[in-house]
Amino acid sequence: MQYNVAQLLKEPIGSSRSYQIEEKYTETLRITDWVVGAIHMVRTHQGVLVNASLDVQTTVTCSRCLKEFPRPSTLNIEEEFFPMVDFHPGRKLWPLPEDEGDLRIDVDHVLDLTEMLRQYTIGDIPMKPLCRKDCAGLCSLCGADLNQRYCDCNRAPVDPRLGVLADLLYPQKG
């Protein structure tokens, strides 16, 4: 997701460009499976303002049953990118804080939206994603997927003081 914005940076404030994006990702370290949407770029007094509405699908792992599942979502993005070099000699570039280093337009005037997409996608993933609301998860004793089958494990908690007696009923293997 790289765009050459050299011509846009030469134009007056308020000039804009619009792009449609439709990409699939197949790399092993991808953050999203595919992205589709519209990107609108506007020239500002400091750089380029990017507004985007992107539909993405990300493969995430269920926090209960540990199975991967596709999770579609819509990302609404608004970020301003700042050039590292200026077309107009003598004009001062605005300083950018250290933590905003990913919002730079490189020296070749290429605006790379990949890192921004990665950050917004990670921020959109829930802390505990579920493959479905009623996911039963895994048995804490045998590890069986309770969505697929019922396990016969004894779920009653054993008082630690009676653990020796429980070992008589259920001898340890090994």
C-alpha atoms as a PDB file:
ATOM      1  CA  MET A   1       0.000   0.000   0.000  1.00  0.00           C
ATOM      2  CA  GLN A   2       2.475   2.555  -1.232  1.00  0.00           C
ATOM      3  CA  TYR A   3       1.505   5.784  -2.957  1.00  0.00           C
ATOM      4  CA  ASN A   4       3.759   8.375  -4.580  1.00  0.00           C
ATOM      5  CA  VAL A   5       2.498  11.732  -3.302  1.00  0.00           C
ATOM      6  CA  ALA A   6       5.162  13.964  -4.910  1.00  0.00           C
ATOM      7  CA  GLN A   7       2.676  15.694  -7.200  1.00  0.00           C
ATOM      8  CA  LEU A   8       0.161  16.154  -4.359  1.00  0.00           C
ATOM      9  CA  LEU A   9       2.853  17.774  -2.179  1.00  0.00           C
ATOM     10  CA  LYS A  10       3.605  20.268  -4.978  1.00  0.00           C
ATOM     11  CA  GLU A  11      -0.034  21.327  -5.228  1.00  0.00           C
ATOM     12  CA  PRO A  12      -1.785  23.933  -3.066  1.00  0.00           C
ATOM     13  CA  ILE A  13      -3.352  23.161   0.305  1.00  0.00           C
ATOM     14  CA  GLY A  14      -6.709  21.423  -0.132  1.00  0.00           C
ATOM     15  CA  SER A  15      -5.744  19.460  -3.241  1.00  0.00           C
ATOM     16  CA  SER A  16      -6.822  15.842  -3.024  1.00  0.00           C
ATOM     17  CA  ARG A  17      -6.542  12.381  -4.513  1.00  0.00           C
ATOM     18  CA  SER A  18      -8.807   9.348  -4.107  1.00  0.00           C
ATOM     19  CA  TYR A  19      -7.894   5.702  -4.537  1.00  0.00           C
ATOM     20  CA  GLN A  20      -9.729   2.400  -4.392  1.00  0.00           C
ATOM     21  CA  ILE A  21      -7.845  -0.466  -2.820  1.00  0.00           C
ATOM     22  CA  GLU A  22      -8.384  -4.196  -3.106  1.00  0.00           C
ATOM     23  CA  GLU A  23      -5.496  -6.338  -1.921  1.00  0.00           C
ATOM     24  CA  LYS A  24      -5.001  -9.872  -0.659  1.00  0.00           C
ATOM     25  CA  TYR A  25      -2.047 -10.720   1.539  1.00  0.00           C
ATOM     26  CA  THR A  26      -0.348 -14.105   1.433  1.00  0.00           C
ATOM     27  CA  GLU A  27       2.869 -13.452   3.340  1.00  0.00           C
ATOM     28  CA  THR A  28       3.495 -15.571   6.423  1.00  0.00           C
ATOM     29  CA  LEU A  29       3.787 -12.495   8.668  1.00  0.00           C
ATOM     30  CA  ARG A  30       0.624 -10.805   7.413  1.00  0.00           C
ATOM     31  CA  ILE A  31      -1.630  -8.947   9.789  1.00  0.00           C
ATOM     32  CA  THR A  32      -4.742  -9.137   7.600  1.00  0.00           C
ATOM     33  CA  ASP A  33      -6.009 -11.544   4.944  1.00  0.00           C
ATOM     34  CA  TRP A  34      -7.466  -8.937   2.613  1.00  0.00           C
ATOM     35  CA  VAL A  35      -8.395  -5.273   2.518  1.00  0.00           C
ATOM     36  CA  VAL A  36     -10.960  -3.477   0.345  1.00  0.00           C
ATOM     37  CA  GLY A  37     -11.981   0.171   0.513  1.00  0.00           C
ATOM     38  CA  ALA A  38     -11.518   3.797  -0.367  1.00  0.00           C
ATOM     39  CA  ILE A  39      -8.590   6.061   0.497  1.00  0.00           C
ATOM     40  CA  HIS A  40      -8.820   9.833   0.246  1.00  0.00           C
ATOM     41  CA  MET A  41      -5.699  12.020   0.581  1.00  0.00           C
ATOM     42  CA  VAL A  42      -5.794  15.790   1.130  1.00  0.00           C
ATOM     43  CA  ARG A  43      -2.823  18.187   1.011  1.00  0.00           C
ATOM     44  CA  THR A  44      -2.478  20.073   4.307  1.00  0.00           C
ATOM     45  CA  HIS A  45      -0.141  22.878   5.314  1.00  0.00           C
ATOM     46  CA  GLN A  46       2.175  20.295   6.913  1.00  0.00           C
ATOM     47  CA  GLY A  47       1.765  17.145   4.833  1.00  0.00           C
ATOM     48  CA  VAL A  48      -0.953  14.784   3.652  1.00  0.00           C
ATOM     49  CA  LEU A  49      -4.122  13.891   5.564  1.00  0.00           C
ATOM     50  CA  VAL A  50      -5.282  10.330   4.873  1.00  0.00           C
ATOM     51  CA  ASN A  51      -8.934   9.381   5.378  1.00  0.00           C
ATOM     52  CA  ALA A  52      -9.848   5.785   4.664  1.00  0.00           C
ATOM     53  CA  SER A  53     -12.737   3.438   5.188  1.00  0.00           C
ATOM     54  CA  LEU A  54     -11.365  -0.074   4.802  1.00  0.00           C
ATOM     55  CA  ASP A  55     -13.083  -3.433   5.098  1.00  0.00           C
ATOM     56  CA  VAL A  56     -10.562  -6.005   6.306  1.00  0.00           C
ATOM     57  CA  GLN A  57     -10.630  -9.653   7.210  1.00  0.00           C
ATOM     58  CA  THR A  58      -8.144 -10.912   9.761  1.00  0.00           C
ATOM     59  CA  THR A  59      -7.481 -14.467  10.895  1.00  0.00           C
ATOM     60  CA  VAL A  60      -7.466 -14.540  14.697  1.00  0.00           C
ATOM     61  CA  THR A  61      -7.319 -17.281  17.329  1.00  0.00           C
ATOM     62  CA  CYS A  62     -10.298 -17.942  19.602  1.00  0.00           C
ATOM     63  CA  SER A  63      -9.363 -17.337  23.236  1.00  0.00           C
ATOM     64  CA  ARG A  64     -11.451 -20.302  24.428  1.00  0.00           C
ATOM     65  CA  CYS A  65     -11.036 -23.151  21.923  1.00  0.00           C
ATOM     66  CA  LEU A  66      -7.744 -21.948  20.309  1.00  0.00           C
ATOM     67  CA  LYS A  67      -9.041 -22.416  16.745  1.00  0.00           C
ATOM     68  CA  GLU A  68      -8.313 -19.859  14.071  1.00  0.00           C
ATOM     69  CA  PHE A  69     -11.276 -18.107  12.477  1.00  0.00           C
ATOM     70  CA  PRO A  70     -11.772 -15.215  10.035  1.00  0.00           C
ATOM     71  CA  ARG A  71     -12.885 -11.924  11.628  1.00  0.00           C
ATOM     72  CA  PRO A  72     -14.202  -9.231   9.261  1.00  0.00           C
ATOM     73  CA  SER A  73     -14.276  -5.597  10.387  1.00  0.00           C
ATOM     74  CA  THR A  74     -14.323  -2.046   9.090  1.00  0.00           C
ATOM     75  CA  LEU A  75     -11.508   0.363   9.897  1.00  0.00           C
ATOM     76  CA  ASN A  76     -12.113   4.108   9.770  1.00  0.00           C
ATOM     77  CA  ILE A  77      -8.716   5.757   9.509  1.00  0.00           C
ATOM     78  CA  GLU A  78      -7.700   9.394   9.783  1.00  0.00           C
ATOM     79  CA  GLU A  79      -3.982  10.168  10.036  1.00  0.00           C
ATOM     80  CA  GLU A  80      -1.715  12.945   8.842  1.00  0.00           C
ATOM     81  CA  PHE A  81       1.611  12.050   7.231  1.00  0.00           C
ATOM     82  CA  PHE A  82       4.549  14.441   7.160  1.00  0.00           C
ATOM     83  CA  PRO A  83       7.325  14.665   4.527  1.00  0.00           C
ATOM     84  CA  MET A  84      10.956  14.073   5.465  1.00  0.00           C
ATOM     85  CA  VAL A  85      12.130  16.561   2.816  1.00  0.00           C
ATOM     86  CA  ASP A  86      10.466  19.667   1.430  1.00  0.00           C
ATOM     87  CA  PHE A  87       9.928  20.635  -2.211  1.00  0.00           C
ATOM     88  CA  HIS A  88      10.155  24.322  -1.371  1.00  0.00           C
ATOM     89  CA  PRO A  89      13.669  25.323  -0.234  1.00  0.00           C
ATOM     90  CA  GLY A  90      13.807  27.557   2.799  1.00  0.00           C
ATOM     91  CA  ARG A  91      10.486  26.403   4.184  1.00  0.00           C
ATOM     92  CA  LYS A  92      10.759  24.846   7.632  1.00  0.00           C
ATOM     93  CA  LEU A  93       9.582  21.270   8.187  1.00  0.00           C
ATOM     94  CA  TRP A  94       7.514  20.679  11.286  1.00  0.00           C
ATOM     95  CA  PRO A  95       9.226  18.578  13.961  1.00  0.00           C
ATOM     96  CA  LEU A  96       7.644  15.206  14.548  1.00  0.00           C
ATOM     97  CA  PRO A  97       7.694  13.457  17.951  1.00  0.00           C
ATOM     98  CA  GLU A  98       9.725  10.254  18.175  1.00  0.00           C
ATOM     99  CA  ASP A  99       6.646   8.035  18.644  1.00  0.00           C
ATOM    100  CA  GLU A 100       5.169   9.365  15.374  1.00  0.00           C
ATOM    101  CA  GLY A 101       8.023   8.064  13.207  1.00  0.00           C
ATOM    102  CA  ASP A 102       5.745   5.786  11.178  1.00  0.00           C
ATOM    103  CA  LEU A 103       3.780   8.792   9.898  1.00  0.00           C
ATOM    104  CA  ARG A 104       6.553  10.006   7.610  1.00  0.00           C
ATOM    105  CA  ILE A 105       6.577  10.332   3.845  1.00  0.00           C
ATOM    106  CA  ASP A 106       9.990   9.045   2.769  1.00  0.00           C
ATOM    107  CA  VAL A 107      12.640  10.992   0.844  1.00  0.00           C
ATOM    108  CA  ASP A 108      11.306   9.607  -2.468  1.00  0.00           C
ATOM    109  CA  HIS A 109       7.859  11.064  -1.579  1.00  0.00           C
ATOM    110  CA  VAL A 110       6.302   7.637  -1.152  1.00  0.00           C
ATOM    111  CA  LEU A 111       3.590   7.330   1.473  1.00  0.00           C
ATOM    112  CA  ASP A 112       3.503   3.757   2.826  1.00  0.00           C
ATOM    113  CA  LEU A 113       0.211   2.882   4.536  1.00  0.00           C
ATOM    114  CA  THR A 114       1.229  -0.667   5.502  1.00  0.00           C
ATOM    115  CA  GLU A 115       2.320   0.130   9.068  1.00  0.00           C
ATOM    116  CA  MET A 116      -0.758   2.278   9.655  1.00  0.00           C
ATOM    117  CA  LEU A 117      -2.996  -0.578   8.458  1.00  0.00           C
ATOM    118  CA  ARG A 118      -1.167  -2.990  10.771  1.00  0.00           C
ATOM    119  CA  GLN A 119      -1.598  -0.721  13.796  1.00  0.00           C
ATOM    120  CA  TYR A 120      -5.292  -0.060  13.158  1.00  0.00           C
ATOM    121  CA  THR A 121      -5.944  -3.772  12.581  1.00  0.00           C
ATOM    122  CA  ILE A 122      -4.220  -4.776  15.817  1.00  0.00           C
ATOM    123  CA  GLY A 123      -6.119  -2.072  17.689  1.00  0.00           C
ATOM    124  CA  ASP A 124      -9.409  -3.409  16.297  1.00  0.00           C
ATOM    125  CA  ILE A 125      -8.878  -7.018  17.425  1.00  0.00           C
ATOM    126  CA  PRO A 126     -10.652  -7.716  20.731  1.00  0.00           C
ATOM    127  CA  MET A 127      -8.503  -8.678  23.712  1.00  0.00           C
ATOM    128  CA  LYS A 128     -10.245 -12.053  23.908  1.00  0.00           C
ATOM    129  CA  PRO A 129     -11.608 -12.909  20.465  1.00  0.00           C
ATOM    130  CA  LEU A 130     -14.292 -15.597  20.324  1.00  0.00           C
ATOM    131  CA  CYS A 131     -15.131 -17.731  17.308  1.00  0.00           C
ATOM    132  CA  ARG A 132     -18.772 -17.521  18.443  1.00  0.00           C
ATOM    133  CA  LYS A 133     -20.548 -16.137  21.497  1.00  0.00           C
ATOM    134  CA  ASP A 134     -21.410 -19.556  22.938  1.00  0.00           C
ATOM    135  CA  CYS A 135     -17.949 -21.113  22.427  1.00  0.00           C
ATOM    136  CA  ALA A 136     -17.542 -23.784  25.122  1.00  0.00           C
ATOM    137  CA  GLY A 137     -13.743 -23.804  24.941  1.00  0.00           C
ATOM    138  CA  LEU A 138     -11.440 -26.641  25.976  1.00  0.00           C
ATOM    139  CA  CYS A 139     -11.695 -29.036  28.899  1.00  0.00           C
ATOM    140  CA  SER A 140      -9.214 -27.906  31.529  1.00  0.00           C
ATOM    141  CA  LEU A 141      -8.373 -31.523  32.394  1.00  0.00           C
ATOM    142  CA  CYS A 142      -8.108 -33.439  29.120  1.00  0.00           C
ATOM    143  CA  GLY A 143      -7.987 -30.598  26.567  1.00  0.00           C
ATOM    144  CA  ALA A 144     -10.964 -31.833  24.544  1.00  0.00           C
ATOM    145  CA  ASP A 145     -12.760 -29.268  22.381  1.00  0.00           C
ATOM    146  CA  LEU A 146     -16.116 -28.972  24.150  1.00  0.00           C
ATOM    147  CA  ASN A 147     -17.686 -27.503  20.991  1.00  0.00           C
ATOM    148  CA  GLN A 148     -17.218 -30.852  19.238  1.00  0.00           C
ATOM    149  CA  ARG A 149     -17.791 -33.384  21.973  1.00  0.00           C
ATOM    150  CA  TYR A 150     -18.577 -33.801  25.637  1.00  0.00           C
ATOM    151  CA  CYS A 151     -15.773 -35.182  27.774  1.00  0.00           C
ATOM    152  CA  ASP A 152     -16.175 -37.520  30.754  1.00  0.00           C
ATOM    153  CA  CYS A 153     -13.688 -35.766  33.012  1.00  0.00           C
ATOM    154  CA  ASN A 154     -14.626 -35.379  36.652  1.00  0.00           C
ATOM    155  CA  ARG A 155     -15.139 -31.629  37.006  1.00  0.00           C
ATOM    156  CA  ALA A 156     -15.844 -31.585  40.740  1.00  0.00           C
ATOM    157  CA  PRO A 157     -13.091 -29.674  42.545  1.00  0.00           C
ATOM    158  CA  VAL A 158     -11.142 -31.817  44.971  1.00  0.00           C
ATOM    159  CA  ASP A 159     -10.291 -30.426  48.373  1.00  0.00           C
ATOM    160  CA  PRO A 160      -6.479 -30.411  48.495  1.00  0.00           C
ATOM    161  CA  ARG A 161      -6.582 -32.044  51.922  1.00  0.00           C
ATOM    162  CA  LEU A 162      -8.351 -35.046  50.378  1.00  0.00           C
ATOM    163  CA  GLY A 163      -6.014 -35.260  47.386  1.00  0.00           C
ATOM    164  CA  VAL A 164      -4.398 -38.446  48.727  1.00  0.00           C
ATOM    165  CA  LEU A 165      -7.777 -40.169  48.809  1.00  0.00           C
ATOM    166  CA  ALA A 166      -8.555 -38.971  45.279  1.00  0.00           C
ATOM    167  CA  ASP A 167      -5.303 -40.570  44.103  1.00  0.00           C
ATOM    168  CA  LEU A 168      -6.613 -43.908  45.398  1.00  0.00           C
ATOM    169  CA  LEU A 169      -9.720 -43.574  43.221  1.00  0.00           C
ATOM    170  CA  TYR A 170      -7.891 -42.205  40.180  1.00  0.00           C
ATOM    171  CA  PRO A 171      -4.300 -43.504  40.232  1.00  0.00           C
ATOM    172  CA  GLN A 172      -1.728 -41.455  38.326  1.00  0.00           C
ATOM    173  CA  LYS A 173      -0.304 -43.100  35.231  1.00  0.00           C
ATOM    174  CA  GLY A 174       3.382 -43.304  34.888  1.00  0.00           C
END
